């Protein structure tokens, strides 16, 4: 199936929630107001669509020249294994400034092997304050 990748200025809460559910990604999708704030304040959203239907997305915060935090990477489980996640990361890196921009992603425990499998460099110098809710 042909997958179309694009940078989109807006991703609706309904599509976001649908793909998060279908991907297994853990996000606060039962708090629609929080999801809407998350989407409204992200400044880089890259989508993957098949026949116009959203099958994956990458949601990031970036300054487009030095740093990019790729906060959400989600692909519908029915479409996993097609290279969509890898391509969403590549498209995000390009849109965020290419080789002059550091792209940082914090993996969910169950996704670590995916990132290792695509040979994404792993950092050993990350520090984090975890959210309380």
N, C-alpha and C. Protein backbone atom coordinates (compact mmCIF):
# COMPACT_ATOMS: atom_id res chain seq x y z
N UNK A 1 0.84 -1.18 0.00
CA UNK A 1 0.00 0.00 0.00
C UNK A 1 0.89 1.24 0.00
N UNK A 2 0.47 2.27 -0.72
CA UNK A 2 1.21 3.51 -0.82
C UNK A 2 0.99 4.35 0.44
N UNK A 3 2.08 4.75 1.06
CA UNK A 3 2.01 5.59 2.26
C UNK A 3 2.52 6.97 1.90
N UNK A 4 1.74 7.98 2.25
CA UNK A 4 2.10 9.37 1.99
C UNK A 4 2.51 10.02 3.30
N UNK A 5 3.70 10.61 3.31
CA UNK A 5 4.24 11.27 4.49
C UNK A 5 4.15 12.77 4.27
N UNK A 6 3.74 13.50 5.31
CA UNK A 6 3.61 14.94 5.17
C UNK A 6 3.76 15.63 6.52
N UNK A 7 4.24 16.85 6.45
CA UNK A 7 4.21 17.70 7.63
C UNK A 7 2.84 18.36 7.64
N UNK A 8 2.14 18.26 8.76
CA UNK A 8 0.81 18.84 8.87
C UNK A 8 0.80 19.86 9.99
N UNK A 9 0.14 20.98 9.75
CA UNK A 9 0.06 22.02 10.77
C UNK A 9 -0.94 21.68 11.87
N UNK A 10 -1.87 20.78 11.58
CA UNK A 10 -2.90 20.45 12.55
C UNK A 10 -3.19 18.95 12.51
N UNK A 11 -3.24 18.35 13.67
CA UNK A 11 -3.70 16.97 13.81
C UNK A 11 -4.80 17.00 14.86
N UNK A 12 -5.98 16.55 14.49
CA UNK A 12 -7.11 16.58 15.40
C UNK A 12 -7.00 15.55 16.51
N UNK A 13 -7.63 15.85 17.62
CA UNK A 13 -7.61 14.96 18.78
C UNK A 13 -8.20 13.59 18.45
N UNK A 14 -9.25 13.55 17.64
CA UNK A 14 -9.86 12.25 17.31
C UNK A 14 -8.89 11.33 16.59
N UNK A 15 -8.17 11.87 15.59
CA UNK A 15 -7.20 11.04 14.86
C UNK A 15 -6.04 10.64 15.78
N UNK A 16 -5.56 11.57 16.58
CA UNK A 16 -4.47 11.28 17.50
C UNK A 16 -4.87 10.14 18.45
N UNK A 17 -6.01 10.29 19.08
CA UNK A 17 -6.49 9.28 20.05
C UNK A 17 -6.67 7.93 19.37
N UNK A 18 -7.21 7.92 18.16
CA UNK A 18 -7.42 6.67 17.43
C UNK A 18 -6.11 5.93 17.19
N UNK A 19 -5.10 6.64 16.71
CA UNK A 19 -3.82 5.98 16.42
C UNK A 19 -3.09 5.60 17.70
N UNK A 20 -3.17 6.43 18.72
CA UNK A 20 -2.54 6.05 19.99
C UNK A 20 -3.15 4.74 20.49
N UNK A 21 -4.46 4.63 20.43
CA UNK A 21 -5.13 3.38 20.85
C UNK A 21 -4.66 2.20 20.00
N UNK A 22 -4.59 2.41 18.69
CA UNK A 22 -4.24 1.33 17.77
C UNK A 22 -2.76 0.97 17.80
N UNK A 23 -1.93 1.85 18.36
CA UNK A 23 -0.49 1.61 18.38
C UNK A 23 -0.01 0.95 19.66
N UNK A 24 -0.73 1.15 20.73
CA UNK A 24 -0.29 0.65 22.02
C UNK A 24 0.52 1.67 22.81
N UNK A 25 0.76 2.86 22.24
CA UNK A 25 1.47 3.93 22.93
C UNK A 25 0.64 4.37 24.14
N UNK A 26 1.29 4.62 25.24
CA UNK A 26 0.59 5.05 26.45
C UNK A 26 0.63 6.57 26.52
N UNK A 27 -0.52 7.17 26.38
CA UNK A 27 -0.68 8.61 26.49
C UNK A 27 -2.02 8.87 27.20
N UNK A 28 -2.22 10.08 27.75
CA UNK A 28 -3.44 10.36 28.52
C UNK A 28 -4.66 10.60 27.63
N UNK A 29 -5.01 9.61 26.82
CA UNK A 29 -6.07 9.80 25.82
C UNK A 29 -7.47 9.89 26.42
N UNK A 30 -7.62 9.58 27.70
CA UNK A 30 -8.92 9.74 28.35
C UNK A 30 -9.13 11.17 28.84
N UNK A 31 -8.10 12.00 28.72
CA UNK A 31 -8.17 13.41 29.10
C UNK A 31 -8.08 14.23 27.81
N UNK A 32 -9.22 14.39 27.15
CA UNK A 32 -9.25 15.04 25.84
C UNK A 32 -8.68 16.46 25.88
N UNK A 33 -8.96 17.20 26.93
CA UNK A 33 -8.43 18.56 27.04
C UNK A 33 -6.91 18.57 27.05
N UNK A 34 -6.32 17.62 27.74
CA UNK A 34 -4.85 17.52 27.77
C UNK A 34 -4.31 17.16 26.40
N UNK A 35 -4.97 16.21 25.72
CA UNK A 35 -4.55 15.83 24.36
C UNK A 35 -4.62 17.04 23.44
N UNK A 36 -5.69 17.80 23.53
CA UNK A 36 -5.82 18.98 22.67
C UNK A 36 -4.71 19.99 22.95
N UNK A 37 -4.34 20.18 24.21
CA UNK A 37 -3.23 21.09 24.54
C UNK A 37 -1.91 20.54 24.01
N UNK A 38 -1.71 19.23 24.14
CA UNK A 38 -0.49 18.60 23.62
C UNK A 38 -0.35 18.86 22.12
N UNK A 39 -1.44 18.70 21.40
CA UNK A 39 -1.41 18.88 19.95
C UNK A 39 -1.27 20.35 19.57
N UNK A 40 -1.94 21.22 20.28
CA UNK A 40 -1.90 22.65 19.94
C UNK A 40 -0.52 23.24 20.16
N UNK A 41 0.22 22.70 21.11
CA UNK A 41 1.52 23.28 21.45
C UNK A 41 2.70 22.60 20.77
N UNK A 42 2.45 21.48 20.11
CA UNK A 42 3.51 20.85 19.32
C UNK A 42 3.74 21.72 18.09
N UNK A 43 4.99 21.83 17.66
CA UNK A 43 5.23 22.67 16.48
C UNK A 43 5.78 21.89 15.30
N UNK A 44 5.79 20.57 15.41
CA UNK A 44 6.16 19.74 14.27
C UNK A 44 5.40 18.43 14.35
N UNK A 45 4.52 18.24 13.41
CA UNK A 45 3.75 16.99 13.31
C UNK A 45 3.96 16.43 11.92
N UNK A 46 4.46 15.21 11.87
CA UNK A 46 4.64 14.50 10.60
C UNK A 46 3.70 13.31 10.62
N UNK A 47 2.97 13.15 9.53
CA UNK A 47 1.97 12.08 9.47
C UNK A 47 2.29 11.07 8.37
N UNK A 48 1.73 9.89 8.54
CA UNK A 48 1.76 8.84 7.52
C UNK A 48 0.31 8.47 7.25
N UNK A 49 -0.10 8.57 5.99
CA UNK A 49 -1.48 8.27 5.61
C UNK A 49 -1.50 7.26 4.47
N UNK A 50 -2.44 6.37 4.53
CA UNK A 50 -2.69 5.41 3.46
C UNK A 50 -4.13 5.62 3.00
N UNK A 51 -4.30 5.96 1.74
CA UNK A 51 -5.61 6.30 1.18
C UNK A 51 -6.30 7.38 2.02
N UNK A 52 -5.52 8.35 2.51
CA UNK A 52 -6.05 9.45 3.28
C UNK A 52 -6.27 9.14 4.76
N UNK A 53 -6.17 7.88 5.14
CA UNK A 53 -6.40 7.45 6.52
C UNK A 53 -5.10 7.50 7.30
N UNK A 54 -5.13 8.17 8.45
CA UNK A 54 -3.94 8.27 9.30
C UNK A 54 -3.57 6.88 9.81
N UNK A 55 -2.30 6.50 9.61
CA UNK A 55 -1.81 5.21 10.11
C UNK A 55 -0.63 5.39 11.06
N UNK A 56 -0.10 6.62 11.13
CA UNK A 56 1.00 6.89 12.04
C UNK A 56 1.32 8.36 12.08
N UNK A 57 2.03 8.76 13.14
CA UNK A 57 2.44 10.16 13.26
C UNK A 57 3.63 10.27 14.18
N UNK A 58 4.34 11.38 14.03
CA UNK A 58 5.41 11.78 14.94
C UNK A 58 5.08 13.20 15.39
N UNK A 59 5.06 13.41 16.70
CA UNK A 59 4.74 14.74 17.26
C UNK A 59 5.97 15.23 18.00
N UNK A 60 6.43 16.45 17.63
CA UNK A 60 7.68 16.96 18.19
C UNK A 60 7.58 18.42 18.60
N UNK A 61 8.57 18.81 19.40
CA UNK A 61 8.81 20.21 19.79
C UNK A 61 10.23 20.53 19.32
N UNK A 62 10.38 21.60 18.55
CA UNK A 62 11.69 21.90 17.98
C UNK A 62 11.88 23.39 17.75
N UNK A 63 13.16 23.79 17.65
CA UNK A 63 13.48 25.15 17.23
C UNK A 63 13.92 25.18 15.76
N UNK A 64 13.92 24.01 15.10
CA UNK A 64 14.22 23.86 13.67
C UNK A 64 15.65 24.18 13.29
N UNK A 65 16.56 24.25 14.27
CA UNK A 65 17.95 24.54 13.90
C UNK A 65 18.97 23.93 14.85
N UNK A 66 18.58 23.53 16.06
CA UNK A 66 19.54 23.02 17.01
C UNK A 66 19.04 21.78 17.76
N UNK A 67 17.76 21.80 18.15
CA UNK A 67 17.26 20.67 18.92
C UNK A 67 15.81 20.34 18.56
N UNK A 68 15.49 19.05 18.71
CA UNK A 68 14.15 18.55 18.45
C UNK A 68 13.86 17.44 19.45
N UNK A 69 12.76 17.55 20.15
CA UNK A 69 12.31 16.48 21.05
C UNK A 69 11.15 15.78 20.37
N UNK A 70 11.39 14.57 19.92
CA UNK A 70 10.35 13.76 19.28
C UNK A 70 9.59 13.06 20.42
N UNK A 71 8.47 13.64 20.78
CA UNK A 71 7.73 13.20 21.96
C UNK A 71 6.87 11.97 21.72
N UNK A 72 6.22 11.90 20.57
CA UNK A 72 5.32 10.78 20.26
C UNK A 72 5.64 10.20 18.90
N UNK A 73 5.82 8.91 18.85
CA UNK A 73 5.92 8.18 17.59
C UNK A 73 4.94 7.03 17.70
N UNK A 74 3.92 7.03 16.86
CA UNK A 74 2.89 6.01 16.95
C UNK A 74 2.51 5.52 15.56
N UNK A 75 2.42 4.20 15.42
CA UNK A 75 2.00 3.58 14.17
C UNK A 75 0.96 2.52 14.51
N UNK A 76 -0.14 2.54 13.80
CA UNK A 76 -1.20 1.53 13.95
C UNK A 76 -0.56 0.14 13.90
N UNK A 77 -0.87 -0.71 14.88
CA UNK A 77 -0.28 -2.06 14.92
C UNK A 77 -0.51 -2.83 13.63
N UNK A 78 -1.64 -2.58 12.97
CA UNK A 78 -1.95 -3.27 11.71
C UNK A 78 -1.00 -2.85 10.59
N UNK A 79 -0.29 -1.74 10.77
CA UNK A 79 0.62 -1.23 9.74
C UNK A 79 2.09 -1.31 10.17
N UNK A 80 2.36 -1.80 11.35
CA UNK A 80 3.73 -1.92 11.80
C UNK A 80 4.47 -2.95 10.97
N UNK A 81 5.77 -2.78 10.82
CA UNK A 81 6.57 -3.68 10.01
C UNK A 81 6.70 -3.23 8.57
N UNK A 82 6.12 -2.08 8.23
CA UNK A 82 6.19 -1.54 6.87
C UNK A 82 7.24 -0.44 6.73
N UNK A 83 7.98 -0.16 7.79
CA UNK A 83 8.99 0.90 7.74
C UNK A 83 8.42 2.28 8.02
N UNK A 84 7.19 2.36 8.47
CA UNK A 84 6.54 3.65 8.70
C UNK A 84 7.19 4.41 9.85
N UNK A 85 7.45 3.74 10.96
CA UNK A 85 8.08 4.41 12.10
C UNK A 85 9.43 4.98 11.75
N UNK A 86 10.25 4.17 11.09
CA UNK A 86 11.58 4.63 10.66
C UNK A 86 11.45 5.85 9.76
N UNK A 87 10.55 5.80 8.81
CA UNK A 87 10.37 6.92 7.87
C UNK A 87 9.85 8.17 8.58
N UNK A 88 8.96 8.01 9.55
CA UNK A 88 8.48 9.16 10.31
C UNK A 88 9.63 9.84 11.05
N UNK A 89 10.55 9.05 11.58
CA UNK A 89 11.72 9.62 12.25
C UNK A 89 12.58 10.37 11.23
N UNK A 90 12.82 9.78 10.07
CA UNK A 90 13.62 10.44 9.04
C UNK A 90 12.98 11.75 8.59
N UNK A 91 11.69 11.73 8.36
CA UNK A 91 10.97 12.94 7.93
C UNK A 91 11.01 14.01 9.02
N UNK A 92 10.90 13.59 10.27
CA UNK A 92 10.97 14.53 11.39
C UNK A 92 12.35 15.17 11.45
N UNK A 93 13.39 14.36 11.33
CA UNK A 93 14.76 14.89 11.38
C UNK A 93 15.00 15.90 10.26
N UNK A 94 14.53 15.58 9.07
CA UNK A 94 14.69 16.50 7.94
C UNK A 94 13.95 17.80 8.19
N UNK A 95 12.69 17.71 8.61
CA UNK A 95 11.88 18.91 8.85
C UNK A 95 12.42 19.76 9.99
N UNK A 96 13.06 19.12 10.97
CA UNK A 96 13.57 19.84 12.14
C UNK A 96 14.90 20.53 11.89
N UNK A 97 15.49 20.33 10.74
CA UNK A 97 16.74 21.01 10.43
C UNK A 97 17.84 20.11 9.93
N UNK A 98 17.54 18.82 9.78
CA UNK A 98 18.52 17.90 9.22
C UNK A 98 19.71 17.68 10.12
N UNK A 99 20.91 17.59 9.53
CA UNK A 99 22.09 17.21 10.31
C UNK A 99 22.58 18.26 11.30
N UNK A 100 22.04 19.47 11.26
CA UNK A 100 22.46 20.49 12.23
C UNK A 100 21.62 20.46 13.51
N UNK A 101 20.61 19.58 13.54
CA UNK A 101 19.69 19.52 14.67
C UNK A 101 19.80 18.18 15.38
N UNK A 102 19.94 18.22 16.69
CA UNK A 102 19.90 17.00 17.50
C UNK A 102 18.45 16.59 17.69
N UNK A 103 18.14 15.33 17.43
CA UNK A 103 16.79 14.81 17.68
C UNK A 103 16.87 13.85 18.85
N UNK A 104 16.07 14.12 19.86
CA UNK A 104 16.04 13.34 21.08
C UNK A 104 14.69 12.65 21.21
N UNK A 105 14.70 11.40 21.60
CA UNK A 105 13.48 10.63 21.79
C UNK A 105 13.67 9.78 23.04
N UNK A 106 12.69 9.78 23.92
CA UNK A 106 12.71 8.91 25.09
C UNK A 106 11.79 7.73 24.79
N UNK A 107 12.33 6.55 24.75
CA UNK A 107 11.57 5.37 24.36
C UNK A 107 10.71 4.81 25.48
N UNK A 108 9.54 4.33 25.11
CA UNK A 108 8.75 3.51 26.02
C UNK A 108 9.50 2.20 26.18
N UNK A 109 9.44 1.57 27.36
CA UNK A 109 10.20 0.34 27.57
C UNK A 109 9.97 -0.73 26.50
N UNK A 110 8.75 -0.88 26.04
CA UNK A 110 8.45 -1.91 25.05
C UNK A 110 8.92 -1.60 23.64
N UNK A 111 9.38 -0.37 23.41
CA UNK A 111 9.80 0.03 22.07
C UNK A 111 11.31 0.11 21.90
N UNK A 112 12.04 -0.13 22.96
CA UNK A 112 13.50 -0.01 22.89
C UNK A 112 14.10 -0.87 21.78
N UNK A 113 13.62 -2.09 21.64
CA UNK A 113 14.18 -2.97 20.61
C UNK A 113 13.91 -2.44 19.20
N UNK A 114 12.80 -1.72 19.01
CA UNK A 114 12.54 -1.12 17.70
C UNK A 114 13.64 -0.11 17.37
N UNK A 115 13.93 0.79 18.30
CA UNK A 115 14.94 1.82 18.06
C UNK A 115 16.33 1.21 17.90
N UNK A 116 16.61 0.18 18.67
CA UNK A 116 17.89 -0.51 18.50
C UNK A 116 17.94 -1.19 17.13
N UNK A 117 16.83 -1.76 16.70
CA UNK A 117 16.75 -2.46 15.42
C UNK A 117 16.97 -1.56 14.22
N UNK A 118 16.54 -0.29 14.32
CA UNK A 118 16.76 0.64 13.21
C UNK A 118 18.08 1.38 13.38
N UNK A 119 18.84 0.96 14.38
CA UNK A 119 20.18 1.50 14.64
C UNK A 119 20.17 2.99 15.00
N UNK A 120 19.12 3.41 15.71
CA UNK A 120 19.08 4.78 16.20
C UNK A 120 20.10 4.89 17.33
N UNK A 121 20.97 5.88 17.29
CA UNK A 121 21.99 6.00 18.35
C UNK A 121 21.33 6.14 19.72
N UNK A 122 21.91 5.45 20.70
CA UNK A 122 21.38 5.46 22.06
C UNK A 122 22.27 6.32 22.95
N UNK A 123 21.67 7.21 23.71
CA UNK A 123 22.42 8.12 24.58
C UNK A 123 22.67 7.50 25.94
N UNK A 124 23.78 7.87 26.51
CA UNK A 124 24.07 7.42 27.87
C UNK A 124 24.17 8.61 28.82
N UNK A 125 23.76 9.76 28.34
CA UNK A 125 23.89 10.98 29.13
C UNK A 125 22.56 11.71 29.31
N UNK A 126 21.49 10.97 29.43
CA UNK A 126 20.17 11.58 29.56
C UNK A 126 19.75 11.58 31.03
N UNK A 127 19.16 12.67 31.45
CA UNK A 127 18.63 12.80 32.80
C UNK A 127 17.18 13.24 32.66
N UNK A 128 16.33 12.82 33.59
CA UNK A 128 14.91 13.09 33.40
C UNK A 128 14.19 13.26 34.73
N UNK A 129 13.32 14.25 34.77
CA UNK A 129 12.32 14.37 35.84
C UNK A 129 11.05 13.78 35.25
N UNK A 130 10.54 12.72 35.79
CA UNK A 130 9.32 12.08 35.26
C UNK A 130 8.07 12.83 35.69
N UNK A 131 7.08 12.84 34.82
CA UNK A 131 5.81 13.50 35.16
C UNK A 131 5.17 12.75 36.32
N UNK A 132 4.41 13.46 37.11
CA UNK A 132 3.77 12.86 38.27
C UNK A 132 2.40 12.28 37.94
N UNK A 133 1.82 12.71 36.81
CA UNK A 133 0.53 12.16 36.39
C UNK A 133 0.33 12.30 34.91
